[in-house]
Amino acid sequence: MSILREQIFAYLRQIPHGKVVTYGQIGAHLGNRHLARAVGNLLHTNPDPFYYPCYKVVSAAGALTDNYPFGGIRGQQKLLEAEGIAVINGRVDLATCQWQEDQPKSVI
């Protein structure tokens, strides 16, 4: 597993129950917000969506993705709602459910 992939998947394990993050937020955690697209591509290699909860990753606007590899938008929505996260018109309210980590950021 590449170092970038390892760091992304380790970050997914830290997201608290009932919270989401954005692709750019993961990139920023890794030291470069512009890694958002690379983050999305690597999430498609997720071997276990429950151990590595990639369903908790949404766009910067809070939108779910048609490309969610485990059932598309409907699959992602079901998993988010199971955690108590409201999904309205394919979006979550980042103001209420985005995780704001308070730990230092790593740099790759």
PDB file of N, CA and C in Angstrom:
ATOM      1  N   MET A   1       0.857  -1.182   0.000  1.00  0.00           N
ATOM      2  CA  MET A   1       0.000   0.000   0.000  1.00  0.00           C
ATOM      3  C   MET A   1       0.898   1.239   0.000  1.00  0.00           C
ATOM      4  N   SER A   2       0.583   2.210  -0.837  1.00  0.00           N
ATOM      5  CA  SER A   2       1.385   3.432  -0.887  1.00  0.00           C
ATOM      6  C   SER A   2       1.224   4.229   0.408  1.00  0.00           C
ATOM      7  N   ILE A   3       2.206   5.071   0.664  1.00  0.00           N
ATOM      8  CA  ILE A   3       2.155   5.902   1.877  1.00  0.00           C
ATOM      9  C   ILE A   3       0.933   6.802   1.849  1.00  0.00           C
ATOM     10  N   LEU A   4       0.647   7.418   0.698  1.00  0.00           N
ATOM     11  CA  LEU A   4      -0.528   8.292   0.589  1.00  0.00           C
ATOM     12  C   LEU A   4      -1.797   7.506   0.885  1.00  0.00           C
ATOM     13  N   ARG A   5      -1.934   6.345   0.288  1.00  0.00           N
ATOM     14  CA  ARG A   5      -3.127   5.519   0.504  1.00  0.00           C
ATOM     15  C   ARG A   5      -3.243   5.124   1.980  1.00  0.00           C
ATOM     16  N   GLU A   6      -2.130   4.739   2.586  1.00  0.00           N
ATOM     17  CA  GLU A   6      -2.143   4.366   4.006  1.00  0.00           C
ATOM     18  C   GLU A   6      -2.624   5.536   4.870  1.00  0.00           C
ATOM     19  N   GLN A   7      -2.137   6.745   4.570  1.00  0.00           N
ATOM     20  CA  GLN A   7      -2.526   7.910   5.361  1.00  0.00           C
ATOM     21  C   GLN A   7      -4.000   8.245   5.173  1.00  0.00           C
ATOM     22  N   ILE A   8      -4.494   8.128   3.953  1.00  0.00           N
ATOM     23  CA  ILE A   8      -5.906   8.403   3.688  1.00  0.00           C
ATOM     24  C   ILE A   8      -6.781   7.409   4.449  1.00  0.00           C
ATOM     25  N   PHE A   9      -6.453   6.138   4.352  1.00  0.00           N
ATOM     26  CA  PHE A   9      -7.276   5.119   4.990  1.00  0.00           C
ATOM     27  C   PHE A   9      -7.183   5.200   6.509  1.00  0.00           C
ATOM     28  N   ALA A  10      -6.027   5.580   7.040  1.00  0.00           N
ATOM     29  CA  ALA A  10      -5.904   5.781   8.487  1.00  0.00           C
ATOM     30  C   ALA A  10      -6.774   6.955   8.929  1.00  0.00           C
ATOM     31  N   TYR A  11      -6.833   8.002   8.123  1.00  0.00           N
ATOM     32  CA  TYR A  11      -7.658   9.175   8.440  1.00  0.00           C
ATOM     33  C   TYR A  11      -9.137   8.799   8.476  1.00  0.00           C
ATOM     34  N   LEU A  12      -9.566   7.969   7.530  1.00  0.00           N
ATOM     35  CA  LEU A  12     -10.969   7.541   7.514  1.00  0.00           C
ATOM     36  C   LEU A  12     -11.365   6.891   8.834  1.00  0.00           C
ATOM     37  N   ARG A  13     -10.461   6.131   9.426  1.00  0.00           N
ATOM     38  CA  ARG A  13     -10.748   5.426  10.682  1.00  0.00           C
ATOM     39  C   ARG A  13     -10.935   6.400  11.847  1.00  0.00           C
ATOM     40  N   GLN A  14     -10.452   7.632  11.712  1.00  0.00           N
ATOM     41  CA  GLN A  14     -10.542   8.620  12.789  1.00  0.00           C
ATOM     42  C   GLN A  14     -11.849   9.405  12.790  1.00  0.00           C
ATOM     43  N   ILE A  15     -12.584   9.382  11.697  1.00  0.00           N
ATOM     44  CA  ILE A  15     -13.801  10.198  11.590  1.00  0.00           C
ATOM     45  C   ILE A  15     -14.826   9.682  12.593  1.00  0.00           C
ATOM     46  N   PRO A  16     -15.285  10.540  13.487  1.00  0.00           N
ATOM     47  CA  PRO A  16     -16.227  10.100  14.515  1.00  0.00           C
ATOM     48  C   PRO A  16     -17.598   9.697  13.933  1.00  0.00           C
ATOM     49  N   HIS A  17     -18.292   8.884  14.674  1.00  0.00           N
ATOM     50  CA  HIS A  17     -19.660   8.495  14.331  1.00  0.00           C
ATOM     51  C   HIS A  17     -20.512   9.748  14.157  1.00  0.00           C
ATOM     52  N   GLY A  18     -21.313   9.798  13.093  1.00  0.00           N
ATOM     53  CA  GLY A  18     -22.209  10.916  12.861  1.00  0.00           C
ATOM     54  C   GLY A  18     -21.555  12.134  12.235  1.00  0.00           C
ATOM     55  N   LYS A  19     -20.316  11.989  11.756  1.00  0.00           N
ATOM     56  CA  LYS A  19     -19.596  13.104  11.152  1.00  0.00           C
ATOM     57  C   LYS A  19     -19.130  12.732   9.754  1.00  0.00           C
ATOM     58  N   VAL A  20     -18.912  13.751   8.919  1.00  0.00           N
ATOM     59  CA  VAL A  20     -18.383  13.567   7.571  1.00  0.00           C
ATOM     60  C   VAL A  20     -17.187  14.488   7.374  1.00  0.00           C
ATOM     61  N   VAL A  21     -16.430  14.218   6.316  1.00  0.00           N
ATOM     62  CA  VAL A  21     -15.332  15.084   5.900  1.00  0.00           C
ATOM     63  C   VAL A  21     -15.442  15.269   4.392  1.00  0.00           C
ATOM     64  N   THR A  22     -14.699  16.222   3.871  1.00  0.00           N
ATOM     65  CA  THR A  22     -14.677  16.436   2.426  1.00  0.00           C
ATOM     66  C   THR A  22     -13.372  15.881   1.848  1.00  0.00           C
ATOM     67  N   TYR A  23     -13.379  15.677   0.523  1.00  0.00           N
ATOM     68  CA  TYR A  23     -12.171  15.221  -0.153  1.00  0.00           C
ATOM     69  C   TYR A  23     -11.032  16.212   0.082  1.00  0.00           C
ATOM     70  N   GLY A  24     -11.331  17.498  -0.054  1.00  0.00           N
ATOM     71  CA  GLY A  24     -10.326  18.535   0.161  1.00  0.00           C
ATOM     72  C   GLY A  24      -9.835  18.579   1.594  1.00  0.00           C
ATOM     73  N   GLN A  25     -10.708  18.281   2.520  1.00  0.00           N
ATOM     74  CA  GLN A  25     -10.327  18.257   3.927  1.00  0.00           C
ATOM     75  C   GLN A  25      -9.293  17.160   4.178  1.00  0.00           C
ATOM     76  N   ILE A  26      -9.481  16.011   3.550  1.00  0.00           N
ATOM     77  CA  ILE A  26      -8.489  14.936   3.689  1.00  0.00           C
ATOM     78  C   ILE A  26      -7.173  15.388   3.057  1.00  0.00           C
ATOM     79  N   GLY A  27      -7.256  16.005   1.876  1.00  0.00           N
ATOM     80  CA  GLY A  27      -6.051  16.522   1.239  1.00  0.00           C
ATOM     81  C   GLY A  27      -5.335  17.535   2.127  1.00  0.00           C
ATOM     82  N   ALA A  28      -6.088  18.431   2.730  1.00  0.00           N
ATOM     83  CA  ALA A  28      -5.496  19.435   3.619  1.00  0.00           C
ATOM     84  C   ALA A  28      -4.827  18.766   4.816  1.00  0.00           C
ATOM     85  N   HIS A  29      -5.460  17.740   5.351  1.00  0.00           N
ATOM     86  CA  HIS A  29      -4.875  16.998   6.465  1.00  0.00           C
ATOM     87  C   HIS A  29      -3.518  16.418   6.061  1.00  0.00           C
ATOM     88  N   LEU A  30      -3.420  16.020   4.803  1.00  0.00           N
ATOM     89  CA  LEU A  30      -2.174  15.441   4.295  1.00  0.00           C
ATOM     90  C   LEU A  30      -1.176  16.505   3.852  1.00  0.00           C
ATOM     91  N   GLY A  31      -1.581  17.772   3.932  1.00  0.00           N
ATOM     92  CA  GLY A  31      -0.670  18.864   3.617  1.00  0.00           C
ATOM     93  C   GLY A  31      -0.920  19.559   2.293  1.00  0.00           C
ATOM     94  N   ASN A  32      -1.944  19.105   1.537  1.00  0.00           N
ATOM     95  CA  ASN A  32      -2.197  19.717   0.235  1.00  0.00           C
ATOM     96  C   ASN A  32      -3.660  19.539  -0.143  1.00  0.00           C
ATOM     97  N   ARG A  33      -4.454  20.600   0.017  1.00  0.00           N
ATOM     98  CA  ARG A  33      -5.888  20.551  -0.296  1.00  0.00           C
ATOM     99  C   ARG A  33      -6.137  20.125  -1.744  1.00  0.00           C
ATOM    100  N   HIS A  34      -5.167  20.347  -2.622  1.00  0.00           N
ATOM    101  CA  HIS A  34      -5.332  20.006  -4.038  1.00  0.00           C
ATOM    102  C   HIS A  34      -5.239  18.501  -4.308  1.00  0.00           C
ATOM    103  N   LEU A  35      -5.069  17.716  -3.277  1.00  0.00           N
ATOM    104  CA  LEU A  35      -5.051  16.257  -3.429  1.00  0.00           C
ATOM    105  C   LEU A  35      -6.464  15.669  -3.472  1.00  0.00           C
ATOM    106  N   ALA A  36      -7.478  16.522  -3.455  1.00  0.00           N
ATOM    107  CA  ALA A  36      -8.861  16.047  -3.373  1.00  0.00           C
ATOM    108  C   ALA A  36      -9.181  15.002  -4.437  1.00  0.00           C
ATOM    109  N   ARG A  37      -8.788  15.240  -5.667  1.00  0.00           N
ATOM    110  CA  ARG A  37      -9.077  14.283  -6.749  1.00  0.00           C
ATOM    111  C   ARG A  37      -8.333  12.962  -6.528  1.00  0.00           C
ATOM    112  N   ALA A  38      -7.087  13.050  -6.084  1.00  0.00           N
ATOM    113  CA  ALA A  38      -6.317  11.835  -5.796  1.00  0.00           C
ATOM    114  C   ALA A  38      -6.961  11.059  -4.654  1.00  0.00           C
ATOM    115  N   VAL A  39      -7.459  11.775  -3.655  1.00  0.00           N
ATOM    116  CA  VAL A  39      -8.165  11.126  -2.547  1.00  0.00           C
ATOM    117  C   VAL A  39      -9.360  10.351  -3.095  1.00  0.00           C
ATOM    118  N   GLY A  40     -10.169  10.993  -3.928  1.00  0.00           N
ATOM    119  CA  GLY A  40     -11.334  10.325  -4.507  1.00  0.00           C
ATOM    120  C   GLY A  40     -10.947   9.085  -5.287  1.00  0.00           C
ATOM    121  N   ASN A  41      -9.894   9.179  -6.076  1.00  0.00           N
ATOM    122  CA  ASN A  41      -9.456   8.022  -6.852  1.00  0.00           C
ATOM    123  C   ASN A  41      -9.010   6.881  -5.946  1.00  0.00           C
ATOM    124  N   LEU A  42      -8.274   7.199  -4.904  1.00  0.00           N
ATOM    125  CA  LEU A  42      -7.804   6.158  -3.995  1.00  0.00           C
ATOM    126  C   LEU A  42      -8.939   5.531  -3.194  1.00  0.00           C
ATOM    127  N   LEU A  43      -9.986   6.296  -2.916  1.00  0.00           N
ATOM    128  CA  LEU A  43     -11.119   5.727  -2.174  1.00  0.00           C
ATOM    129  C   LEU A  43     -11.801   4.616  -2.965  1.00  0.00           C
ATOM    130  N   HIS A  44     -11.654   4.632  -4.286  1.00  0.00           N
ATOM    131  CA  HIS A  44     -12.235   3.566  -5.106  1.00  0.00           C
ATOM    132  C   HIS A  44     -11.504   2.240  -4.948  1.00  0.00           C
ATOM    133  N   THR A  45     -10.368   2.254  -4.264  1.00  0.00           N
ATOM    134  CA  THR A  45      -9.627   1.013  -4.018  1.00  0.00           C
ATOM    135  C   THR A  45      -9.901   0.471  -2.625  1.00  0.00           C
ATOM    136  N   ASN A  46     -10.883   1.035  -1.956  1.00  0.00           N
ATOM    137  CA  ASN A  46     -11.206   0.649  -0.586  1.00  0.00           C
ATOM    138  C   ASN A  46     -11.613  -0.828  -0.522  1.00  0.00           C
ATOM    139  N   PRO A  47     -10.883  -1.632   0.249  1.00  0.00           N
ATOM    140  CA  PRO A  47     -11.225  -3.045   0.336  1.00  0.00           C
ATOM    141  C   PRO A  47     -12.387  -3.342   1.285  1.00  0.00           C
ATOM    142  N   ASP A  48     -12.690  -2.407   2.201  1.00  0.00           N
ATOM    143  CA  ASP A  48     -13.717  -2.669   3.210  1.00  0.00           C
ATOM    144  C   ASP A  48     -14.366  -1.353   3.640  1.00  0.00           C
ATOM    145  N   PRO A  49     -15.551  -1.035   3.091  1.00  0.00           N
ATOM    146  CA  PRO A  49     -16.179   0.260   3.380  1.00  0.00           C
ATOM    147  C   PRO A  49     -16.679   0.419   4.817  1.00  0.00           C
ATOM    148  N   PHE A  50     -16.679  -0.644   5.584  1.00  0.00           N
ATOM    149  CA  PHE A  50     -17.096  -0.521   6.977  1.00  0.00           C
ATOM    150  C   PHE A  50     -15.889  -0.294   7.885  1.00  0.00           C
ATOM    151  N   TYR A  51     -14.779  -0.928   7.564  1.00  0.00           N
ATOM    152  CA  TYR A  51     -13.557  -0.709   8.339  1.00  0.00           C
ATOM    153  C   TYR A  51     -12.950   0.649   7.981  1.00  0.00           C
ATOM    154  N   TYR A  52     -12.984   0.979   6.693  1.00  0.00           N
ATOM    155  CA  TYR A  52     -12.520   2.277   6.195  1.00  0.00           C
ATOM    156  C   TYR A  52     -13.746   3.008   5.645  1.00  0.00           C
ATOM    157  N   PRO A  53     -14.439   3.779   6.490  1.00  0.00           N
ATOM    158  CA  PRO A  53     -15.741   4.346   6.113  1.00  0.00           C
ATOM    159  C   PRO A  53     -15.681   5.483   5.091  1.00  0.00           C
ATOM    160  N   CYS A  54     -15.418   5.103   3.843  1.00  0.00           N
ATOM    161  CA  CYS A  54     -15.329   6.109   2.778  1.00  0.00           C
ATOM    162  C   CYS A  54     -16.678   6.744   2.481  1.00  0.00           C
ATOM    163  N   TYR A  55     -17.768   6.140   2.956  1.00  0.00           N
ATOM    164  CA  TYR A  55     -19.085   6.747   2.754  1.00  0.00           C
ATOM    165  C   TYR A  55     -19.214   8.066   3.504  1.00  0.00           C
ATOM    166  N   LYS A  56     -18.300   8.344   4.432  1.00  0.00           N
ATOM    167  CA  LYS A  56     -18.332   9.583   5.204  1.00  0.00           C
ATOM    168  C   LYS A  56     -17.626  10.735   4.494  1.00  0.00           C
ATOM    169  N   VAL A  57     -17.193  10.508   3.245  1.00  0.00           N
ATOM    170  CA  VAL A  57     -16.491  11.542   2.484  1.00  0.00           C
ATOM    171  C   VAL A  57     -17.444  12.113   1.439  1.00  0.00           C
ATOM    172  N   VAL A  58     -17.597  13.436   1.458  1.00  0.00           N
ATOM    173  CA  VAL A  58     -18.512  14.131   0.549  1.00  0.00           C
ATOM    174  C   VAL A  58     -17.772  15.278  -0.145  1.00  0.00           C
ATOM    175  N   SER A  59     -18.430  15.891  -1.109  1.00  0.00           N
ATOM    176  CA  SER A  59     -17.816  17.019  -1.818  1.00  0.00           C
ATOM    177  C   SER A  59     -17.747  18.248  -0.915  1.00  0.00           C
ATOM    178  N   ALA A  60     -17.046  19.261  -1.380  1.00  0.00           N
ATOM    179  CA  ALA A  60     -16.921  20.517  -0.633  1.00  0.00           C
ATOM    180  C   ALA A  60     -18.267  21.195  -0.423  1.00  0.00           C
ATOM    181  N   ALA A  61     -19.261  20.846  -1.241  1.00  0.00           N
ATOM    182  CA  ALA A  61     -20.612  21.391  -1.104  1.00  0.00           C
ATOM    183  C   ALA A  61     -21.515  20.464  -0.285  1.00  0.00           C
ATOM    184  N   GLY A  62     -20.946  19.366   0.215  1.00  0.00           N
ATOM    185  CA  GLY A  62     -21.736  18.424   1.002  1.00  0.00           C
ATOM    186  C   GLY A  62     -22.472  17.393   0.168  1.00  0.00           C
ATOM    187  N   ALA A  63     -22.186  17.356  -1.130  1.00  0.00           N
ATOM    188  CA  ALA A  63     -22.893  16.436  -2.024  1.00  0.00           C
ATOM    189  C   ALA A  63     -22.348  15.020  -1.949  1.00  0.00           C
ATOM    190  N   LEU A  64     -23.265  14.058  -2.032  1.00  0.00           N
ATOM    191  CA  LEU A  64     -22.897  12.661  -2.152  1.00  0.00           C
ATOM    192  C   LEU A  64     -22.475  12.416  -3.596  1.00  0.00           C
ATOM    193  N   THR A  65     -21.920  11.247  -3.867  1.00  0.00           N
ATOM    194  CA  THR A  65     -21.415  11.005  -5.207  1.00  0.00           C
ATOM    195  C   THR A  65     -22.068   9.818  -5.896  1.00  0.00           C
ATOM    196  N   ASP A  66     -22.368   9.999  -7.173  1.00  0.00           N
ATOM    197  CA  ASP A  66     -22.869   8.894  -7.992  1.00  0.00           C
ATOM    198  C   ASP A  66     -21.827   7.793  -8.081  1.00  0.00           C
ATOM    199  N   ASN A  67     -20.567   8.168  -7.931  1.00  0.00           N
ATOM    200  CA  ASN A  67     -19.469   7.225  -8.096  1.00  0.00           C
ATOM    201  C   ASN A  67     -19.123   6.468  -6.827  1.00  0.00           C
ATOM    202  N   TYR A  68     -19.937   6.604  -5.772  1.00  0.00           N
ATOM    203  CA  TYR A  68     -19.643   5.856  -4.554  1.00  0.00           C
ATOM    204  C   TYR A  68     -19.608   4.373  -4.928  1.00  0.00           C
ATOM    205  N   PRO A  69     -18.456   3.703  -4.699  1.00  0.00           N
ATOM    206  CA  PRO A  69     -18.270   2.357  -5.236  1.00  0.00           C
ATOM    207  C   PRO A  69     -19.133   1.265  -4.599  1.00  0.00           C
ATOM    208  N   PHE A  70     -19.833   1.568  -3.535  1.00  0.00           N
ATOM    209  CA  PHE A  70     -20.629   0.551  -2.853  1.00  0.00           C
ATOM    210  C   PHE A  70     -22.110   0.915  -2.883  1.00  0.00           C
ATOM    211  N   GLY A  71     -22.661   1.094  -4.098  1.00  0.00           N
ATOM    212  CA  GLY A  71     -24.085   1.348  -4.229  1.00  0.00           C
ATOM    213  C   GLY A  71     -24.468   2.740  -4.664  1.00  0.00           C
ATOM    214  N   GLY A  72     -23.517   3.547  -5.124  1.00  0.00           N
ATOM    215  CA  GLY A  72     -23.834   4.883  -5.598  1.00  0.00           C
ATOM    216  C   GLY A  72     -24.412   5.769  -4.509  1.00  0.00           C
ATOM    217  N   ILE A  73     -25.133   6.796  -4.926  1.00  0.00           N
ATOM    218  CA  ILE A  73     -25.704   7.752  -3.966  1.00  0.00           C
ATOM    219  C   ILE A  73     -26.622   7.061  -2.959  1.00  0.00           C
ATOM    220  N   ARG A  74     -27.466   6.152  -3.432  1.00  0.00           N
ATOM    221  CA  ARG A  74     -28.398   5.482  -2.511  1.00  0.00           C
ATOM    222  C   ARG A  74     -27.663   4.682  -1.443  1.00  0.00           C
ATOM    223  N   GLY A  75     -26.602   3.989  -1.833  1.00  0.00           N
ATOM    224  CA  GLY A  75     -25.817   3.228  -0.860  1.00  0.00           C
ATOM    225  C   GLY A  75     -25.150   4.143   0.155  1.00  0.00           C
ATOM    226  N   GLN A  76     -24.560   5.227  -0.328  1.00  0.00           N
ATOM    227  CA  GLN A  76     -23.913   6.182   0.559  1.00  0.00           C
ATOM    228  C   GLN A  76     -24.934   6.832   1.492  1.00  0.00           C
ATOM    229  N   GLN A  77     -26.090   7.206   0.949  1.00  0.00           N
ATOM    230  CA  GLN A  77     -27.123   7.838   1.762  1.00  0.00           C
ATOM    231  C   GLN A  77     -27.593   6.911   2.878  1.00  0.00           C
ATOM    232  N   LYS A  78     -27.811   5.641   2.564  1.00  0.00           N
ATOM    233  CA  LYS A  78     -28.278   4.693   3.583  1.00  0.00           C
ATOM    234  C   LYS A  78     -27.279   4.576   4.735  1.00  0.00           C
ATOM    235  N   LEU A  79     -25.990   4.526   4.405  1.00  0.00           N
ATOM    236  CA  LEU A  79     -24.971   4.407   5.449  1.00  0.00           C
ATOM    237  C   LEU A  79     -24.879   5.673   6.290  1.00  0.00           C
ATOM    238  N   LEU A  80     -24.977   6.839   5.657  1.00  0.00           N
ATOM    239  CA  LEU A  80     -24.942   8.096   6.406  1.00  0.00           C
ATOM    240  C   LEU A  80     -26.159   8.222   7.311  1.00  0.00           C
ATOM    241  N   GLU A  81     -27.323   7.904   6.782  1.00  0.00           N
ATOM    242  CA  GLU A  81     -28.542   8.004   7.589  1.00  0.00           C
ATOM    243  C   GLU A  81     -28.516   7.021   8.757  1.00  0.00           C
ATOM    244  N   ALA A  82     -27.862   5.886   8.587  1.00  0.00           N
ATOM    245  CA  ALA A  82     -27.738   4.919   9.682  1.00  0.00           C
ATOM    246  C   ALA A  82     -26.927   5.496  10.840  1.00  0.00           C
ATOM    247  N   GLU A  83     -26.120   6.509  10.552  1.00  0.00           N
ATOM    248  CA  GLU A  83     -25.344   7.195  11.592  1.00  0.00           C
ATOM    249  C   GLU A  83     -26.049   8.452  12.092  1.00  0.00           C
ATOM    250  N   GLY A  84     -27.248   8.689  11.616  1.00  0.00           N
ATOM    251  CA  GLY A  84     -27.999   9.847  12.064  1.00  0.00           C
ATOM    252  C   GLY A  84     -27.709  11.116  11.287  1.00  0.00           C
ATOM    253  N   ILE A  85     -27.046  10.990  10.140  1.00  0.00           N
ATOM    254  CA  ILE A  85     -26.719  12.149   9.309  1.00  0.00           C
ATOM    255  C   ILE A  85     -27.841  12.340   8.290  1.00  0.00           C
ATOM    256  N   ALA A  86     -28.490  13.482   8.342  1.00  0.00           N
ATOM    257  CA  ALA A  86     -29.585  13.767   7.414  1.00  0.00           C
ATOM    258  C   ALA A  86     -29.041  14.052   6.021  1.00  0.00           C
ATOM    259  N   VAL A  87     -29.685  13.450   5.031  1.00  0.00           N
ATOM    260  CA  VAL A  87     -29.333  13.694   3.632  1.00  0.00           C
ATOM    261  C   VAL A  87     -30.574  14.258   2.959  1.00  0.00           C
ATOM    262  N   ILE A  88     -30.463  15.465   2.431  1.00  0.00           N
ATOM    263  CA  ILE A  88     -31.582  16.128   1.772  1.00  0.00           C
ATOM    264  C   ILE A  88     -31.147  16.489   0.357  1.00  0.00           C
ATOM    265  N   ASN A  89     -31.899  15.978  -0.615  1.00  0.00           N
ATOM    266  CA  ASN A  89     -31.588  16.230  -2.025  1.00  0.00           C
ATOM    267  C   ASN A  89     -30.134  15.874  -2.370  1.00  0.00           C
ATOM    268  N   GLY A  90     -29.651  14.759  -1.828  1.00  0.00           N
ATOM    269  CA  GLY A  90     -28.311  14.289  -2.153  1.00  0.00           C
ATOM    270  C   GLY A  90     -27.179  15.039  -1.496  1.00  0.00           C
ATOM    271  N   ARG A  91     -27.509  15.810  -0.442  1.00  0.00           N
ATOM    272  CA  ARG A  91     -26.487  16.598   0.256  1.00  0.00           C
ATOM    273  C   ARG A  91     -26.634  16.461   1.769  1.00  0.00           C
ATOM    274  N   VAL A  92     -25.512  16.690   2.435  1.00  0.00           N
ATOM    275  CA  VAL A  92     -25.524  16.784   3.892  1.00  0.00           C
ATOM    276  C   VAL A  92     -25.232  18.231   4.269  1.00  0.00           C
ATOM    277  N   ASP A  93     -25.635  18.620   5.456  1.00  0.00           N
ATOM    278  CA  ASP A  93     -25.376  19.975   5.936  1.00  0.00           C
ATOM    279  C   ASP A  93     -24.020  19.983   6.636  1.00  0.00           C
ATOM    280  N   LEU A  94     -23.019  20.500   5.950  1.00  0.00           N
ATOM    281  CA  LEU A  94     -21.674  20.510   6.523  1.00  0.00           C
ATOM    282  C   LEU A  94     -21.588  21.340   7.796  1.00  0.00           C
ATOM    283  N   ALA A  95     -22.447  22.332   7.923  1.00  0.00           N
ATOM    284  CA  ALA A  95     -22.414  23.175   9.125  1.00  0.00           C
ATOM    285  C   ALA A  95     -22.729  22.368  10.382  1.00  0.00           C
ATOM    286  N   THR A  96     -23.484  21.297  10.231  1.00  0.00           N
ATOM    287  CA  THR A  96     -23.856  20.519  11.410  1.00  0.00           C
ATOM    288  C   THR A  96     -23.132  19.175  11.520  1.00  0.00           C
ATOM    289  N   CYS A  97     -22.653  18.638  10.407  1.00  0.00           N
ATOM    290  CA  CYS A  97     -22.096  17.283  10.513  1.00  0.00           C
ATOM    291  C   CYS A  97     -20.651  17.140  10.042  1.00  0.00           C
ATOM    292  N   GLN A  98     -19.999  18.239   9.667  1.00  0.00           N
ATOM    293  CA  GLN A  98     -18.603  18.110   9.238  1.00  0.00           C
ATOM    294  C   GLN A  98     -17.693  18.020  10.452  1.00  0.00           C
ATOM    295  N   TRP A  99     -16.808  17.048  10.424  1.00  0.00           N
ATOM    296  CA  TRP A  99     -15.844  16.871  11.506  1.00  0.00           C
ATOM    297  C   TRP A  99     -14.747  17.909  11.377  1.00  0.00           C
ATOM    298  N   GLN A 100     -14.519  18.635  12.447  1.00  0.00           N
ATOM    299  CA  GLN A 100     -13.430  19.607  12.489  1.00  0.00           C
ATOM    300  C   GLN A 100     -12.388  19.050  13.446  1.00  0.00           C
ATOM    301  N   GLU A 101     -11.386  18.420  12.899  1.00  0.00           N
ATOM    302  CA  GLU A 101     -10.343  17.841  13.735  1.00  0.00           C
ATOM    303  C   GLU A 101      -9.545  18.929  14.434  1.00  0.00           C
ATOM    304  N   ASP A 102      -9.070  18.610  15.596  1.00  0.00           N
ATOM    305  CA  ASP A 102      -8.276  19.592  16.324  1.00  0.00           C
ATOM    306  C   ASP A 102      -6.880  19.051  16.600  1.00  0.00           C
ATOM    307  N   GLN A 103      -6.459  18.122  15.785  1.00  0.00           N
ATOM    308  CA  GLN A 103      -5.109  17.586  15.928  1.00  0.00           C
ATOM    309  C   GLN A 103      -4.205  18.182  14.853  1.00  0.00           C
ATOM    310  N   PRO A 104      -2.908  18.156  15.074  1.00  0.00           N
ATOM    311  CA  PRO A 104      -2.007  18.718  14.065  1.00  0.00           C
ATOM    312  C   PRO A 104      -2.056  17.940  12.764  1.00  0.00           C
ATOM    313  N   LYS A 105      -1.806  18.619  11.686  1.00  0.00           N
ATOM    314  CA  LYS A 105      -1.818  18.006  10.369  1.00  0.00           C
ATOM    315  C   LYS A 105      -0.461  17.394  10.047  1.00  0.00           C
ATOM    316  N   SER A 106      -0.493  16.251   9.369  1.00  0.00           N
ATOM    317  CA  SER A 106       0.753  15.648   8.915  1.00  0.00           C
ATOM    318  C   SER A 106       1.098  16.248   7.562  1.00  0.00           C
ATOM    319  N   VAL A 107       2.310  16.133   7.162  1.00  0.00           N
ATOM    320  CA  VAL A 107       2.740  16.637   5.866  1.00  0.00           C
ATOM    321  C   VAL A 107       3.414  15.505   5.115  1.00  0.00           C
ATOM    322  N   ILE A 108       2.994  15.316   3.853  1.00  0.00           N
ATOM    323  CA  ILE A 108       3.629  14.258   3.058  1.00  0.00           C
ATOM    324  C   ILE A 108       4.607  14.865   2.082  1.00  0.00           C
TER     325      ILE A 108
END
